[in-house]
Amino acid sequence: MTLDQIAVGTEVKIIAVGGEGQLRVRLLDMGLIPKTVVRVQKVAPMGDPIEIHLRGYELTIRKEDAARIEVTQI
């Protein structure tokens, strides 16, 4: 399952970050690394972007980028 498929208020653990080149590096630099617990805070009315909470801060990412992050329920 990927991060874009998670319901608001659900906590999950990242298991893999996909993408290639600069996109993957950017996602990792933002703290989206394997074994990190994240919670989906909000989803925009049209479904894009998605706001998540991780490591004590909120991060807003595009749905397209969230689809590259594999997660598992905790």
N, C-alpha and C. Protein backbone atom coordinates (compact mmCIF):
# COMPACT_ATOMS: atom_id res chain seq x y z
N MET A 1 0.85 -1.15 0.00
CA MET A 1 0.00 0.00 0.00
C MET A 1 0.91 1.23 0.00
N THR A 2 0.42 2.33 -0.55
CA THR A 2 1.22 3.54 -0.65
C THR A 2 0.59 4.66 0.18
N LEU A 3 1.37 5.68 0.46
CA LEU A 3 0.94 6.76 1.35
C LEU A 3 -0.29 7.51 0.82
N ASP A 4 -0.47 7.58 -0.47
CA ASP A 4 -1.63 8.30 -1.01
C ASP A 4 -2.95 7.55 -0.79
N GLN A 5 -2.89 6.30 -0.38
CA GLN A 5 -4.08 5.48 -0.17
C GLN A 5 -4.54 5.45 1.29
N ILE A 6 -3.82 6.14 2.17
CA ILE A 6 -4.10 6.10 3.60
C ILE A 6 -5.17 7.12 3.99
N ALA A 7 -6.06 6.70 4.88
CA ALA A 7 -7.14 7.58 5.35
C ALA A 7 -6.61 8.62 6.34
N VAL A 8 -7.29 9.74 6.43
CA VAL A 8 -6.92 10.80 7.36
C VAL A 8 -6.97 10.27 8.79
N GLY A 9 -5.94 10.61 9.58
CA GLY A 9 -5.87 10.19 10.98
C GLY A 9 -5.17 8.87 11.21
N THR A 10 -4.79 8.19 10.16
CA THR A 10 -4.15 6.88 10.28
C THR A 10 -2.63 7.03 10.38
N GLU A 11 -2.03 6.27 11.29
CA GLU A 11 -0.57 6.23 11.42
C GLU A 11 -0.04 5.00 10.70
N VAL A 12 1.02 5.19 9.95
CA VAL A 12 1.66 4.10 9.21
C VAL A 12 3.17 4.24 9.34
N LYS A 13 3.87 3.17 8.96
CA LYS A 13 5.33 3.19 8.97
C LYS A 13 5.83 3.06 7.53
N ILE A 14 6.77 3.90 7.17
CA ILE A 14 7.34 3.85 5.82
C ILE A 14 8.22 2.61 5.70
N ILE A 15 8.04 1.86 4.62
CA ILE A 15 8.90 0.69 4.39
C ILE A 15 9.83 0.88 3.20
N ALA A 16 9.46 1.73 2.25
CA ALA A 16 10.32 1.98 1.09
C ALA A 16 9.95 3.31 0.44
N VAL A 17 10.97 3.97 -0.09
CA VAL A 17 10.76 5.23 -0.82
C VAL A 17 11.20 5.00 -2.25
N GLY A 18 10.25 5.14 -3.17
CA GLY A 18 10.53 4.92 -4.58
C GLY A 18 10.95 6.20 -5.27
N GLY A 19 10.88 6.19 -6.57
CA GLY A 19 11.29 7.35 -7.35
C GLY A 19 12.73 7.17 -7.81
N GLU A 20 13.16 8.11 -8.62
CA GLU A 20 14.50 8.03 -9.17
C GLU A 20 15.19 9.37 -9.05
N GLY A 21 16.49 9.35 -8.93
CA GLY A 21 17.31 10.55 -8.97
C GLY A 21 16.93 11.60 -7.96
N GLN A 22 16.78 12.83 -8.43
CA GLN A 22 16.54 13.99 -7.57
C GLN A 22 15.24 13.87 -6.76
N LEU A 23 14.21 13.26 -7.33
CA LEU A 23 12.94 13.11 -6.61
C LEU A 23 13.16 12.27 -5.37
N ARG A 24 13.81 11.13 -5.49
CA ARG A 24 14.04 10.25 -4.35
C ARG A 24 14.91 10.95 -3.30
N VAL A 25 15.94 11.63 -3.73
CA VAL A 25 16.82 12.35 -2.81
C VAL A 25 16.02 13.42 -2.06
N ARG A 26 15.16 14.14 -2.76
CA ARG A 26 14.35 15.18 -2.13
C ARG A 26 13.41 14.60 -1.08
N LEU A 27 12.77 13.47 -1.39
CA LEU A 27 11.88 12.83 -0.42
C LEU A 27 12.65 12.38 0.82
N LEU A 28 13.81 11.80 0.62
CA LEU A 28 14.64 11.36 1.75
C LEU A 28 15.11 12.55 2.57
N ASP A 29 15.50 13.64 1.92
CA ASP A 29 15.94 14.84 2.63
C ASP A 29 14.83 15.45 3.48
N MET A 30 13.58 15.27 3.07
CA MET A 30 12.46 15.81 3.84
C MET A 30 12.12 14.94 5.05
N GLY A 31 12.86 13.85 5.25
CA GLY A 31 12.64 12.99 6.41
C GLY A 31 11.80 11.77 6.14
N LEU A 32 11.43 11.55 4.89
CA LEU A 32 10.62 10.39 4.53
C LEU A 32 11.54 9.19 4.27
N ILE A 33 12.04 8.63 5.36
CA ILE A 33 12.97 7.52 5.24
C ILE A 33 12.34 6.26 5.84
N PRO A 34 12.78 5.08 5.41
CA PRO A 34 12.21 3.84 5.94
C PRO A 34 12.26 3.79 7.47
N LYS A 35 11.25 3.15 8.06
CA LYS A 35 11.06 2.95 9.49
C LYS A 35 10.54 4.20 10.20
N THR A 36 10.23 5.27 9.47
CA THR A 36 9.66 6.48 10.06
C THR A 36 8.14 6.34 10.16
N VAL A 37 7.59 6.70 11.31
CA VAL A 37 6.13 6.66 11.51
C VAL A 37 5.56 8.00 11.08
N VAL A 38 4.54 7.95 10.24
CA VAL A 38 3.88 9.17 9.77
C VAL A 38 2.37 9.05 9.98
N ARG A 39 1.71 10.19 10.15
CA ARG A 39 0.25 10.22 10.29
C ARG A 39 -0.31 11.18 9.25
N VAL A 40 -1.31 10.74 8.53
CA VAL A 40 -1.97 11.61 7.55
C VAL A 40 -2.85 12.58 8.31
N GLN A 41 -2.55 13.88 8.20
CA GLN A 41 -3.28 14.92 8.92
C GLN A 41 -4.49 15.42 8.13
N LYS A 42 -4.26 15.80 6.87
CA LYS A 42 -5.32 16.40 6.05
C LYS A 42 -5.11 16.01 4.60
N VAL A 43 -6.21 16.05 3.87
CA VAL A 43 -6.16 15.88 2.42
C VAL A 43 -6.98 17.03 1.83
N ALA A 44 -6.43 17.71 0.85
CA ALA A 44 -7.13 18.83 0.22
C ALA A 44 -8.44 18.36 -0.39
N PRO A 45 -9.41 19.25 -0.55
CA PRO A 45 -10.73 18.88 -1.07
C PRO A 45 -10.68 18.11 -2.41
N MET A 46 -9.76 18.46 -3.26
CA MET A 46 -9.67 17.75 -4.54
C MET A 46 -8.71 16.55 -4.47
N GLY A 47 -8.22 16.24 -3.26
CA GLY A 47 -7.37 15.08 -3.07
C GLY A 47 -5.88 15.34 -3.21
N ASP A 48 -5.48 16.55 -3.53
CA ASP A 48 -4.07 16.84 -3.74
C ASP A 48 -3.81 18.28 -3.31
N PRO A 49 -2.91 18.58 -2.42
CA PRO A 49 -1.88 17.75 -1.80
C PRO A 49 -2.36 17.06 -0.52
N ILE A 50 -1.41 16.35 0.12
CA ILE A 50 -1.66 15.62 1.35
C ILE A 50 -0.75 16.19 2.43
N GLU A 51 -1.31 16.47 3.61
CA GLU A 51 -0.49 16.94 4.73
C GLU A 51 -0.25 15.78 5.68
N ILE A 52 1.01 15.54 6.02
CA ILE A 52 1.36 14.46 6.93
C ILE A 52 2.15 15.01 8.11
N HIS A 53 2.11 14.29 9.21
CA HIS A 53 2.87 14.65 10.41
C HIS A 53 3.95 13.59 10.62
N LEU A 54 5.20 14.03 10.73
CA LEU A 54 6.30 13.13 11.00
C LEU A 54 7.39 13.86 11.74
N ARG A 55 8.06 13.16 12.63
CA ARG A 55 9.21 13.70 13.36
C ARG A 55 8.94 15.06 14.00
N GLY A 56 7.71 15.31 14.43
CA GLY A 56 7.39 16.55 15.12
C GLY A 56 7.04 17.74 14.24
N TYR A 57 6.87 17.54 12.96
CA TYR A 57 6.48 18.65 12.08
C TYR A 57 5.50 18.17 11.01
N GLU A 58 4.83 19.13 10.40
CA GLU A 58 3.89 18.83 9.32
C GLU A 58 4.57 19.06 7.98
N LEU A 59 4.28 18.20 7.05
CA LEU A 59 4.85 18.26 5.71
C LEU A 59 3.72 18.07 4.71
N THR A 60 3.70 18.89 3.69
CA THR A 60 2.69 18.77 2.64
C THR A 60 3.39 18.29 1.37
N ILE A 61 2.87 17.18 0.83
CA ILE A 61 3.45 16.63 -0.39
C ILE A 61 2.36 16.37 -1.42
N ARG A 62 2.78 16.32 -2.67
CA ARG A 62 1.84 16.04 -3.75
C ARG A 62 1.40 14.59 -3.70
N LYS A 63 0.20 14.34 -4.15
CA LYS A 63 -0.33 12.98 -4.18
C LYS A 63 0.54 12.09 -5.07
N GLU A 64 1.04 12.65 -6.14
CA GLU A 64 1.92 11.91 -7.05
C GLU A 64 3.18 11.43 -6.33
N ASP A 65 3.75 12.27 -5.47
CA ASP A 65 4.93 11.88 -4.70
C ASP A 65 4.57 10.87 -3.61
N ALA A 66 3.42 11.05 -2.97
CA ALA A 66 2.97 10.13 -1.92
C ALA A 66 2.75 8.72 -2.49
N ALA A 67 2.41 8.64 -3.76
CA ALA A 67 2.19 7.33 -4.39
C ALA A 67 3.48 6.54 -4.56
N ARG A 68 4.63 7.19 -4.38
CA ARG A 68 5.92 6.51 -4.50
C ARG A 68 6.45 6.00 -3.15
N ILE A 69 5.71 6.27 -2.08
CA ILE A 69 6.15 5.88 -0.74
C ILE A 69 5.33 4.70 -0.26
N GLU A 70 5.98 3.57 -0.09
CA GLU A 70 5.30 2.36 0.38
C GLU A 70 5.26 2.36 1.89
N VAL A 71 4.08 2.03 2.43
CA VAL A 71 3.88 2.05 3.88
C VAL A 71 3.19 0.77 4.35
N THR A 72 3.23 0.56 5.67
CA THR A 72 2.53 -0.57 6.27
C THR A 72 1.80 -0.08 7.52
N GLN A 73 0.68 -0.70 7.84
CA GLN A 73 -0.08 -0.35 9.05
C GLN A 73 0.72 -0.72 10.28
N ILE A 74 0.56 0.08 11.35
CA ILE A 74 1.23 -0.26 12.61
C ILE A 74 0.20 -0.51 13.69
